[in-house]
N, C-alpha and C. Protein backbone atom coordinates (compact mmCIF):
# COMPACT_ATOMS: atom_id res chain seq x y z
N MET A 1 -80.23 -124.37 110.48
CA MET A 1 -79.86 -124.34 109.09
C MET A 1 -78.55 -123.56 108.96
N SER A 2 -77.63 -124.12 108.22
CA SER A 2 -76.32 -123.48 108.06
C SER A 2 -76.40 -122.32 107.07
N ASN A 3 -75.37 -121.47 107.15
CA ASN A 3 -75.31 -120.33 106.22
C ASN A 3 -75.20 -120.79 104.77
N LYS A 4 -74.49 -121.89 104.52
CA LYS A 4 -74.35 -122.41 103.16
C LYS A 4 -75.71 -122.83 102.60
N MET A 5 -76.54 -123.44 103.43
CA MET A 5 -77.87 -123.87 102.98
C MET A 5 -78.76 -122.67 102.72
N LYS A 6 -78.64 -121.63 103.56
CA LYS A 6 -79.44 -120.42 103.36
C LYS A 6 -79.05 -119.74 102.04
N ILE A 7 -77.74 -119.67 101.79
CA ILE A 7 -77.25 -119.04 100.56
C ILE A 7 -77.69 -119.85 99.35
N ALA A 8 -77.60 -121.18 99.44
CA ALA A 8 -78.03 -122.03 98.33
C ALA A 8 -79.52 -121.86 98.08
N GLY A 9 -80.32 -121.82 99.15
CA GLY A 9 -81.77 -121.63 99.00
C GLY A 9 -82.09 -120.28 98.38
N ALA A 10 -81.38 -119.23 98.80
CA ALA A 10 -81.59 -117.90 98.24
C ALA A 10 -81.19 -117.87 96.77
N SER A 11 -80.10 -118.56 96.44
CA SER A 11 -79.64 -118.61 95.04
C SER A 11 -80.67 -119.29 94.16
N VAL A 12 -81.25 -120.39 94.66
CA VAL A 12 -82.28 -121.09 93.89
C VAL A 12 -83.49 -120.18 93.71
N GLY A 13 -83.85 -119.44 94.76
CA GLY A 13 -84.98 -118.52 94.68
C GLY A 13 -84.73 -117.41 93.66
N VAL A 14 -83.52 -116.86 93.68
CA VAL A 14 -83.16 -115.80 92.73
C VAL A 14 -83.18 -116.35 91.31
N LEU A 15 -82.63 -117.54 91.12
CA LEU A 15 -82.64 -118.15 89.80
C LEU A 15 -84.07 -118.41 89.30
N PHE A 16 -84.93 -118.85 90.20
CA PHE A 16 -86.33 -119.11 89.83
C PHE A 16 -87.02 -117.81 89.42
N VAL A 17 -86.83 -116.77 90.22
CA VAL A 17 -87.44 -115.46 89.90
C VAL A 17 -86.89 -114.95 88.57
N ALA A 18 -85.57 -115.07 88.37
CA ALA A 18 -84.97 -114.62 87.11
C ALA A 18 -85.53 -115.41 85.93
N PHE A 19 -85.72 -116.70 86.14
CA PHE A 19 -86.28 -117.56 85.10
C PHE A 19 -87.70 -117.11 84.74
N VAL A 20 -88.54 -116.86 85.74
CA VAL A 20 -89.92 -116.43 85.51
C VAL A 20 -89.93 -115.06 84.83
N VAL A 21 -89.11 -114.14 85.31
CA VAL A 21 -89.04 -112.81 84.70
C VAL A 21 -88.56 -112.92 83.25
N GLY A 22 -87.60 -113.79 83.00
CA GLY A 22 -87.10 -114.00 81.64
C GLY A 22 -88.19 -114.51 80.72
N ILE A 23 -88.97 -115.47 81.20
CA ILE A 23 -90.08 -116.00 80.39
C ILE A 23 -91.12 -114.91 80.12
N LEU A 24 -91.46 -114.12 81.14
CA LEU A 24 -92.43 -113.04 80.94
C LEU A 24 -91.90 -111.99 79.95
N PHE A 25 -90.61 -111.64 80.09
CA PHE A 25 -90.02 -110.68 79.16
C PHE A 25 -90.04 -111.23 77.75
N TRP A 26 -89.58 -112.47 77.59
CA TRP A 26 -89.54 -113.09 76.26
C TRP A 26 -90.94 -113.18 75.65
N GLY A 27 -91.89 -113.59 76.46
CA GLY A 27 -93.28 -113.68 75.96
C GLY A 27 -93.81 -112.33 75.54
N GLY A 28 -93.56 -111.31 76.34
CA GLY A 28 -94.01 -109.96 76.00
C GLY A 28 -93.31 -109.42 74.77
N PHE A 29 -92.02 -109.67 74.67
CA PHE A 29 -91.25 -109.23 73.52
C PHE A 29 -91.75 -109.92 72.25
N ASN A 30 -91.93 -111.22 72.33
CA ASN A 30 -92.41 -111.98 71.17
C ASN A 30 -93.82 -111.54 70.79
N TRP A 31 -94.68 -111.31 71.78
CA TRP A 31 -96.04 -110.84 71.50
C TRP A 31 -95.98 -109.50 70.76
N ALA A 32 -95.14 -108.58 71.24
CA ALA A 32 -95.02 -107.26 70.59
C ALA A 32 -94.49 -107.41 69.16
N MET A 33 -93.53 -108.30 68.96
CA MET A 33 -92.99 -108.52 67.61
C MET A 33 -94.09 -109.00 66.67
N GLU A 34 -94.90 -109.92 67.11
CA GLU A 34 -95.96 -110.46 66.26
C GLU A 34 -97.11 -109.47 66.09
N ALA A 35 -97.45 -108.74 67.14
CA ALA A 35 -98.55 -107.77 67.05
C ALA A 35 -98.23 -106.65 66.07
N THR A 36 -96.96 -106.30 65.95
CA THR A 36 -96.55 -105.24 65.02
C THR A 36 -96.19 -105.81 63.66
N ASN A 37 -96.48 -107.06 63.43
CA ASN A 37 -96.13 -107.71 62.18
C ASN A 37 -97.39 -108.15 61.43
N THR A 38 -98.41 -107.31 61.46
CA THR A 38 -99.65 -107.61 60.76
C THR A 38 -100.01 -106.46 59.83
N GLU A 39 -100.78 -106.77 58.82
CA GLU A 39 -101.24 -105.72 57.91
C GLU A 39 -102.08 -104.69 58.65
N GLU A 40 -102.88 -105.15 59.59
CA GLU A 40 -103.73 -104.24 60.37
C GLU A 40 -102.88 -103.21 61.11
N PHE A 41 -101.78 -103.67 61.69
CA PHE A 41 -100.89 -102.73 62.39
C PHE A 41 -100.27 -101.76 61.39
N CYS A 42 -99.81 -102.28 60.27
CA CYS A 42 -99.13 -101.44 59.27
C CYS A 42 -100.02 -100.31 58.78
N ILE A 43 -101.30 -100.58 58.60
CA ILE A 43 -102.18 -99.53 58.06
C ILE A 43 -102.97 -98.83 59.17
N SER A 44 -102.55 -99.00 60.41
CA SER A 44 -103.26 -98.33 61.51
C SER A 44 -102.96 -96.83 61.54
N CYS A 45 -101.88 -96.40 60.89
CA CYS A 45 -101.65 -94.96 60.79
C CYS A 45 -102.14 -94.49 59.42
N HIS A 46 -102.67 -93.28 59.40
CA HIS A 46 -103.30 -92.80 58.15
C HIS A 46 -102.29 -92.64 57.03
N GLU A 47 -101.01 -92.37 57.35
CA GLU A 47 -100.00 -92.20 56.30
C GLU A 47 -99.93 -93.44 55.41
N MET A 48 -99.93 -94.60 56.02
CA MET A 48 -99.86 -95.84 55.25
C MET A 48 -101.23 -96.21 54.66
N ARG A 49 -102.27 -96.09 55.46
CA ARG A 49 -103.61 -96.46 55.01
C ARG A 49 -104.05 -95.62 53.81
N ASP A 50 -103.78 -94.33 53.85
CA ASP A 50 -104.27 -93.42 52.81
C ASP A 50 -103.36 -93.34 51.59
N ASN A 51 -102.15 -93.82 51.69
CA ASN A 51 -101.21 -93.71 50.58
C ASN A 51 -100.86 -95.07 50.00
N VAL A 52 -99.86 -95.73 50.56
CA VAL A 52 -99.36 -96.96 49.94
C VAL A 52 -100.38 -98.10 49.98
N TYR A 53 -101.19 -98.17 51.00
CA TYR A 53 -102.18 -99.25 51.08
C TYR A 53 -103.20 -99.12 49.94
N GLN A 54 -103.61 -97.92 49.62
CA GLN A 54 -104.58 -97.70 48.54
C GLN A 54 -103.99 -98.15 47.20
N GLU A 55 -102.70 -97.97 47.01
CA GLU A 55 -102.04 -98.44 45.79
C GLU A 55 -101.96 -99.96 45.78
N TYR A 56 -101.58 -100.52 46.91
CA TYR A 56 -101.38 -101.96 47.04
C TYR A 56 -102.66 -102.76 46.76
N ILE A 57 -103.81 -102.25 47.20
CA ILE A 57 -105.05 -103.03 47.01
C ILE A 57 -105.47 -103.12 45.55
N GLU A 58 -104.80 -102.39 44.68
CA GLU A 58 -105.09 -102.46 43.25
C GLU A 58 -104.12 -103.39 42.51
N THR A 59 -103.26 -104.10 43.24
CA THR A 59 -102.23 -104.93 42.60
C THR A 59 -102.51 -106.42 42.78
N PRO A 60 -101.84 -107.25 41.98
CA PRO A 60 -101.98 -108.71 42.14
C PRO A 60 -101.45 -109.24 43.47
N HIS A 61 -100.63 -108.47 44.17
CA HIS A 61 -100.19 -108.92 45.49
C HIS A 61 -101.34 -108.90 46.49
N TYR A 62 -102.37 -108.11 46.21
CA TYR A 62 -103.54 -108.03 47.09
C TYR A 62 -104.62 -109.01 46.66
N SER A 63 -104.95 -109.02 45.38
CA SER A 63 -106.02 -109.87 44.87
C SER A 63 -105.62 -110.43 43.52
N ASN A 64 -105.75 -111.76 43.38
CA ASN A 64 -105.33 -112.40 42.14
C ASN A 64 -106.09 -113.71 41.94
N ARG A 65 -105.89 -114.34 40.83
CA ARG A 65 -106.65 -115.55 40.49
C ARG A 65 -106.34 -116.71 41.42
N THR A 66 -105.15 -116.74 42.04
CA THR A 66 -104.80 -117.87 42.90
C THR A 66 -105.24 -117.68 44.34
N GLY A 67 -105.59 -116.46 44.72
CA GLY A 67 -106.02 -116.21 46.09
C GLY A 67 -104.88 -116.09 47.09
N VAL A 68 -103.65 -116.04 46.61
CA VAL A 68 -102.50 -115.88 47.50
C VAL A 68 -102.26 -114.38 47.68
N ARG A 69 -102.23 -113.93 48.91
CA ARG A 69 -102.02 -112.51 49.19
C ARG A 69 -100.72 -112.30 49.93
N ALA A 70 -99.94 -111.34 49.46
CA ALA A 70 -98.75 -110.90 50.17
C ALA A 70 -99.13 -109.65 50.93
N THR A 71 -99.03 -109.69 52.25
CA THR A 71 -99.37 -108.53 53.07
C THR A 71 -98.13 -107.65 53.28
N CYS A 72 -98.32 -106.50 53.88
CA CYS A 72 -97.21 -105.56 54.10
C CYS A 72 -96.00 -106.25 54.74
N PRO A 73 -96.17 -106.98 55.86
CA PRO A 73 -95.00 -107.60 56.47
C PRO A 73 -94.37 -108.70 55.61
N ASP A 74 -95.15 -109.33 54.75
CA ASP A 74 -94.56 -110.35 53.88
C ASP A 74 -93.47 -109.76 53.00
N CYS A 75 -93.68 -108.52 52.56
CA CYS A 75 -92.72 -107.88 51.66
C CYS A 75 -91.70 -107.00 52.39
N HIS A 76 -92.05 -106.51 53.57
CA HIS A 76 -91.19 -105.52 54.22
C HIS A 76 -90.55 -105.97 55.52
N VAL A 77 -90.88 -107.17 56.01
CA VAL A 77 -90.30 -107.65 57.26
C VAL A 77 -89.77 -109.07 57.04
N PRO A 78 -88.49 -109.28 57.31
CA PRO A 78 -87.93 -110.62 57.14
C PRO A 78 -88.60 -111.63 58.06
N LYS A 79 -88.60 -112.87 57.65
CA LYS A 79 -89.18 -113.95 58.46
C LYS A 79 -88.19 -114.46 59.51
N GLU A 80 -86.90 -114.50 59.17
CA GLU A 80 -85.89 -114.99 60.10
C GLU A 80 -85.80 -114.04 61.29
N TRP A 81 -85.73 -114.61 62.49
CA TRP A 81 -85.84 -113.85 63.73
C TRP A 81 -84.83 -112.73 63.83
N VAL A 82 -83.55 -112.99 63.62
CA VAL A 82 -82.52 -111.96 63.78
C VAL A 82 -82.76 -110.82 62.80
N HIS A 83 -83.03 -111.15 61.54
CA HIS A 83 -83.30 -110.10 60.54
C HIS A 83 -84.58 -109.34 60.87
N LYS A 84 -85.56 -110.04 61.44
CA LYS A 84 -86.81 -109.38 61.83
C LYS A 84 -86.56 -108.37 62.95
N VAL A 85 -85.76 -108.74 63.94
CA VAL A 85 -85.45 -107.82 65.04
C VAL A 85 -84.72 -106.59 64.51
N VAL A 86 -83.76 -106.80 63.62
CA VAL A 86 -83.03 -105.67 63.03
C VAL A 86 -84.00 -104.74 62.30
N ARG A 87 -84.92 -105.31 61.52
CA ARG A 87 -85.91 -104.50 60.78
C ARG A 87 -86.81 -103.73 61.74
N LYS A 88 -87.21 -104.37 62.83
CA LYS A 88 -88.07 -103.69 63.82
C LYS A 88 -87.32 -102.54 64.48
N ILE A 89 -86.03 -102.72 64.74
CA ILE A 89 -85.23 -101.63 65.32
C ILE A 89 -85.15 -100.47 64.33
N LYS A 90 -84.91 -100.80 63.06
CA LYS A 90 -84.87 -99.75 62.03
C LYS A 90 -86.22 -99.05 61.90
N ALA A 91 -87.29 -99.77 62.16
CA ALA A 91 -88.64 -99.19 62.05
C ALA A 91 -88.87 -98.12 63.11
N SER A 92 -88.07 -98.11 64.16
CA SER A 92 -88.23 -97.06 65.17
C SER A 92 -88.01 -95.68 64.54
N ASN A 93 -87.21 -95.61 63.47
CA ASN A 93 -87.03 -94.36 62.74
C ASN A 93 -88.35 -93.90 62.13
N GLU A 94 -89.17 -94.87 61.70
CA GLU A 94 -90.47 -94.53 61.14
C GLU A 94 -91.39 -93.93 62.21
N LEU A 95 -91.28 -94.42 63.44
CA LEU A 95 -92.07 -93.86 64.55
C LEU A 95 -91.63 -92.42 64.84
N TYR A 96 -90.34 -92.19 64.78
CA TYR A 96 -89.80 -90.85 64.97
C TYR A 96 -90.40 -89.89 63.95
N HIS A 97 -90.43 -90.32 62.69
CA HIS A 97 -90.98 -89.46 61.63
C HIS A 97 -92.50 -89.34 61.74
N LYS A 98 -93.15 -90.34 62.30
CA LYS A 98 -94.61 -90.25 62.56
C LYS A 98 -94.86 -89.10 63.53
N VAL A 99 -94.07 -89.04 64.60
CA VAL A 99 -94.21 -87.98 65.59
C VAL A 99 -93.91 -86.61 64.96
N LEU A 100 -92.91 -86.55 64.10
CA LEU A 100 -92.55 -85.28 63.44
C LEU A 100 -93.56 -84.85 62.39
N GLY A 101 -94.38 -85.80 61.89
CA GLY A 101 -95.33 -85.47 60.83
C GLY A 101 -94.67 -85.33 59.48
N THR A 102 -93.59 -86.06 59.25
CA THR A 102 -92.80 -85.94 58.03
C THR A 102 -93.62 -86.22 56.77
N ILE A 103 -94.53 -87.19 56.83
CA ILE A 103 -95.35 -87.51 55.65
C ILE A 103 -96.83 -87.60 56.01
N ASP A 104 -97.27 -86.72 56.89
CA ASP A 104 -98.64 -86.81 57.38
C ASP A 104 -99.71 -86.24 56.44
N THR A 105 -99.30 -85.69 55.31
CA THR A 105 -100.26 -85.26 54.29
C THR A 105 -99.87 -85.92 52.97
N ARG A 106 -100.80 -85.99 52.05
CA ARG A 106 -100.53 -86.57 50.74
C ARG A 106 -99.40 -85.81 50.03
N GLU A 107 -99.40 -84.49 50.15
CA GLU A 107 -98.39 -83.67 49.51
C GLU A 107 -97.00 -83.98 50.07
N LYS A 108 -96.89 -84.08 51.40
CA LYS A 108 -95.60 -84.41 52.01
C LYS A 108 -95.16 -85.81 51.60
N TYR A 109 -96.12 -86.73 51.55
CA TYR A 109 -95.78 -88.10 51.16
C TYR A 109 -95.25 -88.13 49.72
N GLU A 110 -95.94 -87.46 48.81
CA GLU A 110 -95.50 -87.44 47.41
C GLU A 110 -94.14 -86.78 47.26
N ALA A 111 -93.87 -85.76 48.07
CA ALA A 111 -92.58 -85.08 48.00
C ALA A 111 -91.44 -86.01 48.44
N LYS A 112 -91.73 -86.98 49.31
CA LYS A 112 -90.71 -87.90 49.82
C LYS A 112 -90.77 -89.27 49.16
N ARG A 113 -91.70 -89.48 48.25
CA ARG A 113 -91.92 -90.81 47.66
C ARG A 113 -90.65 -91.40 47.05
N LEU A 114 -89.91 -90.64 46.28
CA LEU A 114 -88.71 -91.16 45.64
C LEU A 114 -87.68 -91.58 46.69
N GLU A 115 -87.48 -90.75 47.70
CA GLU A 115 -86.52 -91.07 48.77
C GLU A 115 -86.96 -92.34 49.51
N LEU A 116 -88.23 -92.44 49.84
CA LEU A 116 -88.74 -93.62 50.54
C LEU A 116 -88.59 -94.87 49.68
N ALA A 117 -88.92 -94.75 48.40
CA ALA A 117 -88.78 -95.90 47.49
C ALA A 117 -87.32 -96.32 47.37
N ARG A 118 -86.44 -95.36 47.23
CA ARG A 118 -85.01 -95.69 47.12
C ARG A 118 -84.52 -96.45 48.36
N ASN A 119 -84.99 -96.04 49.53
CA ASN A 119 -84.59 -96.74 50.76
C ASN A 119 -85.02 -98.20 50.73
N VAL A 120 -86.26 -98.44 50.32
CA VAL A 120 -86.76 -99.82 50.24
C VAL A 120 -86.01 -100.59 49.17
N TRP A 121 -85.82 -99.98 48.00
CA TRP A 121 -85.11 -100.66 46.92
C TRP A 121 -83.69 -101.03 47.33
N GLN A 122 -83.02 -100.11 48.01
CA GLN A 122 -81.64 -100.37 48.45
C GLN A 122 -81.61 -101.54 49.43
N THR A 123 -82.53 -101.56 50.37
CA THR A 123 -82.60 -102.67 51.33
C THR A 123 -82.85 -103.98 50.60
N MET A 124 -83.75 -103.97 49.63
CA MET A 124 -84.05 -105.19 48.90
C MET A 124 -82.84 -105.66 48.09
N LYS A 125 -82.09 -104.74 47.51
CA LYS A 125 -80.88 -105.12 46.79
C LYS A 125 -79.86 -105.73 47.75
N GLU A 126 -79.70 -105.11 48.91
CA GLU A 126 -78.72 -105.59 49.89
C GLU A 126 -79.05 -107.00 50.39
N THR A 127 -80.32 -107.35 50.39
CA THR A 127 -80.73 -108.67 50.90
C THR A 127 -81.07 -109.64 49.78
N ASP A 128 -80.71 -109.29 48.54
CA ASP A 128 -81.01 -110.13 47.38
C ASP A 128 -82.52 -110.42 47.31
N SER A 129 -83.31 -109.39 47.58
CA SER A 129 -84.78 -109.49 47.53
C SER A 129 -85.29 -110.67 48.37
N ARG A 130 -84.73 -110.81 49.56
CA ARG A 130 -85.04 -111.93 50.46
C ARG A 130 -86.55 -112.11 50.67
N GLU A 131 -87.26 -111.02 50.90
CA GLU A 131 -88.70 -111.15 51.17
C GLU A 131 -89.47 -111.59 49.93
N CYS A 132 -89.03 -111.19 48.74
CA CYS A 132 -89.68 -111.68 47.51
C CYS A 132 -89.54 -113.20 47.43
N ARG A 133 -88.35 -113.66 47.78
CA ARG A 133 -88.03 -115.08 47.66
C ARG A 133 -88.76 -115.96 48.67
N ASN A 134 -89.41 -115.35 49.65
CA ASN A 134 -90.25 -116.14 50.55
C ASN A 134 -91.38 -116.80 49.77
N CYS A 135 -91.84 -116.15 48.72
CA CYS A 135 -92.93 -116.69 47.90
C CYS A 135 -92.46 -117.09 46.50
N HIS A 136 -91.55 -116.32 45.94
CA HIS A 136 -91.09 -116.55 44.57
C HIS A 136 -89.73 -117.22 44.59
N ASP A 137 -89.68 -118.47 44.23
CA ASP A 137 -88.45 -119.25 44.27
C ASP A 137 -87.98 -119.53 42.84
N TYR A 138 -86.74 -119.16 42.56
CA TYR A 138 -86.18 -119.35 41.22
C TYR A 138 -86.30 -120.80 40.77
N ASP A 139 -85.96 -121.73 41.64
CA ASP A 139 -85.97 -123.15 41.26
C ASP A 139 -87.39 -123.67 41.00
N SER A 140 -88.39 -122.98 41.48
CA SER A 140 -89.78 -123.41 41.27
C SER A 140 -90.44 -122.72 40.09
N MET A 141 -89.75 -121.79 39.46
CA MET A 141 -90.34 -121.05 38.34
C MET A 141 -90.51 -121.97 37.12
N ASP A 142 -91.67 -121.89 36.51
CA ASP A 142 -91.94 -122.63 35.28
C ASP A 142 -91.81 -121.63 34.13
N PHE A 143 -90.63 -121.59 33.53
CA PHE A 143 -90.35 -120.61 32.49
C PHE A 143 -91.28 -120.74 31.30
N VAL A 144 -91.74 -121.93 31.00
CA VAL A 144 -92.65 -122.14 29.87
C VAL A 144 -93.95 -121.37 30.09
N LYS A 145 -94.46 -121.39 31.32
CA LYS A 145 -95.71 -120.69 31.62
C LYS A 145 -95.52 -119.17 31.70
N GLN A 146 -94.27 -118.72 31.83
CA GLN A 146 -94.02 -117.29 31.91
C GLN A 146 -94.13 -116.61 30.56
N GLY A 147 -93.97 -117.35 29.52
CA GLY A 147 -93.96 -116.73 28.20
C GLY A 147 -92.54 -116.41 27.78
N ARG A 148 -92.39 -116.10 26.53
CA ARG A 148 -91.06 -115.90 25.95
C ARG A 148 -90.29 -114.75 26.60
N ARG A 149 -90.93 -113.60 26.74
CA ARG A 149 -90.23 -112.43 27.28
C ARG A 149 -89.84 -112.64 28.74
N GLY A 150 -90.79 -113.11 29.56
CA GLY A 150 -90.50 -113.34 30.97
C GLY A 150 -89.40 -114.36 31.16
N HIS A 151 -89.46 -115.43 30.39
CA HIS A 151 -88.45 -116.48 30.45
C HIS A 151 -87.08 -115.89 30.16
N LYS A 152 -86.99 -115.16 29.06
CA LYS A 152 -85.71 -114.58 28.63
C LYS A 152 -85.18 -113.59 29.68
N GLU A 153 -86.06 -112.70 30.14
CA GLU A 153 -85.63 -111.69 31.12
C GLU A 153 -85.17 -112.33 32.42
N HIS A 154 -85.90 -113.35 32.90
CA HIS A 154 -85.49 -114.01 34.14
C HIS A 154 -84.16 -114.74 33.97
N GLU A 155 -84.00 -115.46 32.89
CA GLU A 155 -82.74 -116.16 32.67
C GLU A 155 -81.56 -115.18 32.62
N GLN A 156 -81.71 -114.10 31.85
CA GLN A 156 -80.63 -113.13 31.74
C GLN A 156 -80.38 -112.42 33.07
N GLY A 157 -81.46 -112.06 33.74
CA GLY A 157 -81.32 -111.36 35.02
C GLY A 157 -80.60 -112.19 36.06
N PHE A 158 -81.01 -113.43 36.19
CA PHE A 158 -80.36 -114.30 37.18
C PHE A 158 -78.91 -114.59 36.78
N ALA A 159 -78.66 -114.76 35.49
CA ALA A 159 -77.30 -115.02 35.01
C ALA A 159 -76.38 -113.82 35.26
N ASN A 160 -76.96 -112.61 35.24
CA ASN A 160 -76.18 -111.40 35.44
C ASN A 160 -76.17 -110.92 36.89
N GLY A 161 -76.68 -111.73 37.79
CA GLY A 161 -76.64 -111.38 39.22
C GLY A 161 -77.66 -110.35 39.65
N LEU A 162 -78.69 -110.14 38.85
CA LEU A 162 -79.73 -109.20 39.25
C LEU A 162 -80.63 -109.85 40.30
N THR A 163 -81.31 -109.01 41.04
CA THR A 163 -82.25 -109.50 42.02
C THR A 163 -83.64 -108.96 41.67
N CYS A 164 -84.66 -109.46 42.28
CA CYS A 164 -86.04 -109.16 41.90
C CYS A 164 -86.30 -107.66 41.74
N ILE A 165 -85.85 -106.86 42.70
CA ILE A 165 -86.17 -105.43 42.70
C ILE A 165 -85.48 -104.68 41.57
N ASP A 166 -84.44 -105.25 40.98
CA ASP A 166 -83.79 -104.58 39.86
C ASP A 166 -84.76 -104.38 38.69
N CYS A 167 -85.68 -105.30 38.51
CA CYS A 167 -86.62 -105.23 37.38
C CYS A 167 -88.06 -104.99 37.81
N HIS A 168 -88.39 -105.29 39.04
CA HIS A 168 -89.79 -105.27 39.46
C HIS A 168 -90.12 -104.13 40.41
N LYS A 169 -89.55 -102.96 40.20
CA LYS A 169 -89.95 -101.78 40.97
C LYS A 169 -91.38 -101.43 40.58
N GLY A 170 -92.14 -100.97 41.51
CA GLY A 170 -93.51 -100.57 41.21
C GLY A 170 -94.48 -101.73 41.10
N ILE A 171 -94.10 -102.90 41.57
CA ILE A 171 -94.96 -104.07 41.45
C ILE A 171 -96.13 -104.02 42.44
N ALA A 172 -95.95 -103.35 43.57
CA ALA A 172 -97.02 -103.29 44.56
C ALA A 172 -97.39 -101.86 44.94
N HIS A 173 -96.62 -100.90 44.46
CA HIS A 173 -96.88 -99.48 44.74
C HIS A 173 -96.56 -98.67 43.50
N GLN A 174 -97.14 -97.49 43.41
CA GLN A 174 -96.86 -96.62 42.27
C GLN A 174 -95.40 -96.22 42.28
N LEU A 175 -94.82 -96.14 41.09
CA LEU A 175 -93.45 -95.67 40.98
C LEU A 175 -93.40 -94.17 41.26
N PRO A 176 -92.34 -93.72 41.91
CA PRO A 176 -92.19 -92.27 42.09
C PRO A 176 -91.81 -91.62 40.77
N ASP A 177 -91.93 -90.32 40.70
CA ASP A 177 -91.51 -89.58 39.52
C ASP A 177 -89.99 -89.57 39.49
N MET A 178 -89.41 -90.23 38.50
CA MET A 178 -87.96 -90.29 38.38
C MET A 178 -87.49 -89.58 37.11
N SER A 179 -88.35 -88.76 36.52
CA SER A 179 -88.04 -88.12 35.24
C SER A 179 -86.87 -87.14 35.32
N GLU A 180 -86.64 -86.53 36.46
CA GLU A 180 -85.54 -85.58 36.58
C GLU A 180 -84.18 -86.25 36.43
N GLU A 181 -84.07 -87.48 36.89
CA GLU A 181 -82.78 -88.17 36.80
C GLU A 181 -82.70 -89.14 35.65
N ASP A 182 -83.86 -89.54 35.08
CA ASP A 182 -83.87 -90.51 33.99
C ASP A 182 -85.08 -90.22 33.11
N ALA A 183 -84.86 -89.50 32.03
CA ALA A 183 -85.96 -89.10 31.15
C ALA A 183 -86.70 -90.30 30.58
N SER A 184 -86.02 -91.43 30.41
CA SER A 184 -86.69 -92.60 29.87
C SER A 184 -87.67 -93.21 30.88
N ALA A 185 -87.57 -92.82 32.15
CA ALA A 185 -88.47 -93.33 33.17
C ALA A 185 -89.92 -92.94 32.87
N VAL A 186 -90.12 -91.81 32.25
CA VAL A 186 -91.47 -91.38 31.91
C VAL A 186 -92.10 -92.36 30.93
N LEU A 187 -91.33 -92.78 29.96
CA LEU A 187 -91.86 -93.73 28.97
C LEU A 187 -92.13 -95.09 29.60
N ARG A 188 -91.25 -95.57 30.48
CA ARG A 188 -91.41 -96.88 31.10
C ARG A 188 -92.57 -96.91 32.07
N ALA A 189 -92.91 -95.77 32.67
CA ALA A 189 -93.97 -95.74 33.68
C ALA A 189 -95.35 -95.86 33.05
N HIS A 190 -95.46 -95.64 31.75
CA HIS A 190 -96.79 -95.67 31.10
C HIS A 190 -96.98 -96.90 30.27
């Protein structure tokens, strides 16, 4: 056997091994992405289970007349692969704070609630409430069934370039105390 044939055979072997390793890596990576994209995973830490999850189960996103449920990842993790990977990378910051115990008690969580909410609201504004639009589509809205106020608010909001989170803060979680920066927030929260 010539040296050229040996090199070609070795190259094919290396390519085959690289191909198999690539498939195993991709499969493992995809499995991890999906395993961490479930409600069960999201509430596996007590910070989420004892705080935001308890609020969420009292909302129409959890239980409603139509039986459609939006889970944690439906609202907080993009469906498109590239955006999902970016969100998962950003979530590593949450793991860092889990280790630090930044919000490991109810008191610590409440002290950071406004900051945490602002971060989510800002992300939703930057993405034009992309995750809301996975279920709520402007073109599919029946304004007649919304009633006069909802119809008017949606038409004006969309015409003025607002996005879902501009008006629908607190739809799945309690609003933070914003009275220090906006006294009218106390009236709107009740």
